[in-house]
């Protein structure tokens, strides 16, 4: 199977909580009519979404047809190219989150979404202190709360991003 590449989501096929679904019911893509092996079943749109093939997602055809996006919000103010911002929202699948995706940016571009993380995963990273210090600048949860409760699959979840240019890791956190 040829996997569609999503530039800001390099690990999308490996994620434990991937937004990609396996098509076990032979659903038809709502845009091109194919029966995809893998599909997305959600986007922010006024239309009812149940099956979007990955080729139509990546090409922007879905966003064109349904006038929607896959990501709720992002640090779009940190990206100066309006065409890049528009294309990002039109062709990048979101990630599973408690309160809606919030995609981080760095170096005038959106970051890659790497994985869901908790404090256990961060403790294994030499960049942990830099990651948590950067997160504190976002004004989120106190570090003591993160040290005690941050979990990759719990009520307070971390979302790890990495800059595509300087390789800096960034963290976003939300809660149930």
Protein backbone atom coordinates (compact mmCIF):
# COMPACT_ATOMS: atom_id res chain seq x y z
CA UNK A 1 0.00 0.00 0.00
CA UNK A 2 1.31 3.45 -0.93
CA UNK A 3 1.07 5.71 2.10
CA UNK A 4 0.09 9.32 1.57
CA UNK A 5 2.60 11.66 3.18
CA UNK A 6 1.49 14.48 5.45
CA UNK A 7 4.44 16.87 5.88
CA UNK A 8 3.49 18.09 9.37
CA UNK A 9 2.40 14.64 10.57
CA UNK A 10 5.39 12.35 9.83
CA UNK A 11 4.34 9.65 12.33
CA UNK A 12 0.61 9.59 11.60
CA UNK A 13 0.59 5.92 10.59
CA UNK A 14 2.51 4.81 13.70
CA UNK A 15 0.56 6.75 16.35
CA UNK A 16 -1.25 4.67 18.95
CA UNK A 17 -4.11 7.18 18.82
CA UNK A 18 -3.96 7.92 15.09
CA UNK A 19 -6.87 9.79 13.49
CA UNK A 20 -6.62 7.36 10.55
CA UNK A 21 -9.22 4.59 10.48
CA UNK A 22 -9.04 1.19 8.75
CA UNK A 23 -11.98 0.80 6.33
CA UNK A 24 -13.62 -2.45 7.48
CA UNK A 25 -17.09 -1.50 6.23
CA UNK A 26 -16.18 -0.69 2.59
CA UNK A 27 -17.16 2.96 2.99
CA UNK A 28 -16.88 5.22 -0.04
CA UNK A 29 -14.83 8.41 0.04
CA UNK A 30 -17.28 11.31 0.12
CA UNK A 31 -15.17 13.22 -2.41
CA UNK A 32 -13.83 10.82 -5.07
CA UNK A 33 -16.04 7.75 -4.49
CA UNK A 34 -13.19 5.25 -4.05
CA UNK A 35 -13.22 2.57 -1.33
CA UNK A 36 -10.04 3.46 0.58
CA UNK A 37 -8.19 1.01 2.79
CA UNK A 38 -7.52 3.87 5.24
CA UNK A 39 -9.56 7.02 5.79
CA UNK A 40 -10.36 9.94 8.09
CA UNK A 41 -13.82 10.32 9.55
CA UNK A 42 -13.67 13.84 10.93
CA UNK A 43 -13.02 17.43 10.06
CA UNK A 44 -14.35 20.79 11.21
CA UNK A 45 -17.18 21.43 8.76
CA UNK A 46 -20.91 22.08 8.73
CA UNK A 47 -21.31 18.86 6.72
CA UNK A 48 -21.57 15.33 8.15
CA UNK A 49 -18.25 13.58 7.59
CA UNK A 50 -17.86 9.80 7.68
CA UNK A 51 -15.22 8.77 5.10
CA UNK A 52 -12.46 10.84 3.51
CA UNK A 53 -9.71 9.06 1.62
CA UNK A 54 -6.21 10.20 2.45
CA UNK A 55 -5.42 11.19 -1.15
CA UNK A 56 -8.34 13.64 -1.17
CA UNK A 57 -7.29 14.99 2.24
CA UNK A 58 -3.67 15.56 1.15
CA UNK A 59 -4.66 17.18 -2.15
CA UNK A 60 -7.00 19.68 -0.48
CA UNK A 61 -10.01 18.34 -2.41
CA UNK A 62 -11.87 17.59 0.84
CA UNK A 63 -11.33 21.09 2.22
CA UNK A 64 -12.48 22.54 -1.11
CA UNK A 65 -15.66 20.46 -1.22
CA UNK A 66 -16.67 20.78 2.43
CA UNK A 67 -15.14 24.21 3.21
CA UNK A 68 -13.56 22.78 6.34
CA UNK A 69 -10.34 22.12 8.22
CA UNK A 70 -8.91 19.28 10.29
CA UNK A 71 -7.28 21.36 13.02
CA UNK A 72 -9.19 23.54 15.45
CA UNK A 73 -6.47 26.11 16.10
CA UNK A 74 -2.74 26.71 15.75
CA UNK A 75 -0.04 29.30 16.36
CA UNK A 76 -0.79 30.68 12.89
CA UNK A 77 0.33 34.18 13.96
CA UNK A 78 3.91 32.82 14.10
CA UNK A 79 3.81 31.88 10.39
CA UNK A 80 4.18 34.85 8.04
CA UNK A 81 3.16 33.17 4.76
CA UNK A 82 -0.66 33.27 4.41
CA UNK A 83 -0.59 30.62 1.65
CA UNK A 84 1.31 28.22 3.92
CA UNK A 85 -1.20 28.82 6.75
CA UNK A 86 -4.16 28.20 4.43
CA UNK A 87 -2.63 25.04 2.95
CA UNK A 88 -1.70 23.73 6.41
CA UNK A 89 -5.30 23.92 7.66
CA UNK A 90 -6.65 22.46 4.39
CA UNK A 91 -4.34 19.43 4.08
CA UNK A 92 -3.06 18.44 7.55
CA UNK A 93 -5.06 15.90 9.57
CA UNK A 94 -5.45 16.72 13.24
CA UNK A 95 -4.54 14.60 16.23
CA UNK A 96 -6.81 13.19 18.95
CA UNK A 97 -7.07 15.60 21.87
CA UNK A 98 -9.34 16.41 24.77
CA UNK A 99 -10.32 19.98 23.88
CA UNK A 100 -9.46 20.24 20.19
CA UNK A 101 -6.12 20.38 18.44
CA UNK A 102 -3.75 23.28 18.96
CA UNK A 103 -0.77 23.04 16.61
CA UNK A 104 2.49 24.73 17.57
CA UNK A 105 4.83 26.70 15.31
CA UNK A 106 8.52 27.64 15.29
CA UNK A 107 10.93 29.27 12.82
CA UNK A 108 8.09 30.78 10.74
CA UNK A 109 6.53 27.36 10.05
CA UNK A 110 4.27 24.86 11.75
CA UNK A 111 5.99 22.12 13.73
CA UNK A 112 5.76 18.39 13.11
CA UNK A 113 3.43 16.52 15.45
CA UNK A 114 5.59 13.77 16.95
CA UNK A 115 3.52 11.87 19.53
CA UNK A 116 1.44 11.91 22.67
CA UNK A 117 3.61 12.20 25.78
CA UNK A 118 3.41 12.06 29.53
CA UNK A 119 6.01 12.88 32.13
CA UNK A 120 7.38 9.32 31.80
CA UNK A 121 8.19 9.91 28.12
CA UNK A 122 9.62 13.38 28.81
CA UNK A 123 11.83 11.99 31.59
CA UNK A 124 13.57 9.84 28.94
CA UNK A 125 14.41 12.89 26.83
CA UNK A 126 17.58 14.92 27.43
CA UNK A 127 15.58 17.98 26.25
CA UNK A 128 13.00 17.64 29.06
CA UNK A 129 13.98 20.84 30.92
CA UNK A 130 14.03 22.92 27.73
CA UNK A 131 10.68 21.46 26.66
CA UNK A 132 9.02 22.25 30.01
CA UNK A 133 10.57 25.74 30.16
CA UNK A 134 9.24 26.50 26.68
CA UNK A 135 5.82 25.15 27.68
CA UNK A 136 5.71 27.46 30.70
CA UNK A 137 5.88 30.41 28.29
CA UNK A 138 2.51 29.31 26.87
CA UNK A 139 0.96 29.92 30.31
CA UNK A 140 -0.49 26.45 30.73
CA UNK A 141 -0.46 24.08 33.68
CA UNK A 142 2.12 24.57 36.45
CA UNK A 143 5.19 22.38 36.22
CA UNK A 144 4.31 20.65 39.52
CA UNK A 145 0.98 19.54 38.01
CA UNK A 146 2.74 18.23 34.92
CA UNK A 147 5.36 16.37 36.97
CA UNK A 148 2.61 14.60 38.88
CA UNK A 149 -0.24 14.12 36.40
CA UNK A 150 0.95 14.47 32.78
CA UNK A 151 0.21 11.21 30.96
CA UNK A 152 0.26 10.21 27.30
CA UNK A 153 -3.21 8.66 27.69
CA UNK A 154 -4.65 10.22 30.85
CA UNK A 155 -6.79 13.18 31.85
CA UNK A 156 -3.89 15.60 31.37
CA UNK A 157 -2.20 14.76 28.07
CA UNK A 158 0.92 16.10 26.42
CA UNK A 159 1.30 16.62 22.67
CA UNK A 160 4.92 16.72 21.50
CA UNK A 161 5.91 18.77 18.45
CA UNK A 162 9.28 19.33 16.80
CA UNK A 163 10.40 22.26 14.68
CA UNK A 164 11.04 21.28 11.07
CA UNK A 165 13.94 23.75 10.87
CA UNK A 166 15.83 24.04 14.19
CA UNK A 167 14.67 20.63 15.60
CA UNK A 168 13.52 22.20 18.89
CA UNK A 169 10.88 20.18 20.73
CA UNK A 170 7.72 21.95 21.89
CA UNK A 171 4.92 20.76 24.14
CA UNK A 172 1.22 21.50 24.25
CA UNK A 173 -1.00 20.15 27.04
CA UNK A 174 -4.74 19.90 27.55
CA UNK A 175 -7.07 18.13 29.94
CA UNK A 176 -10.37 16.28 29.94
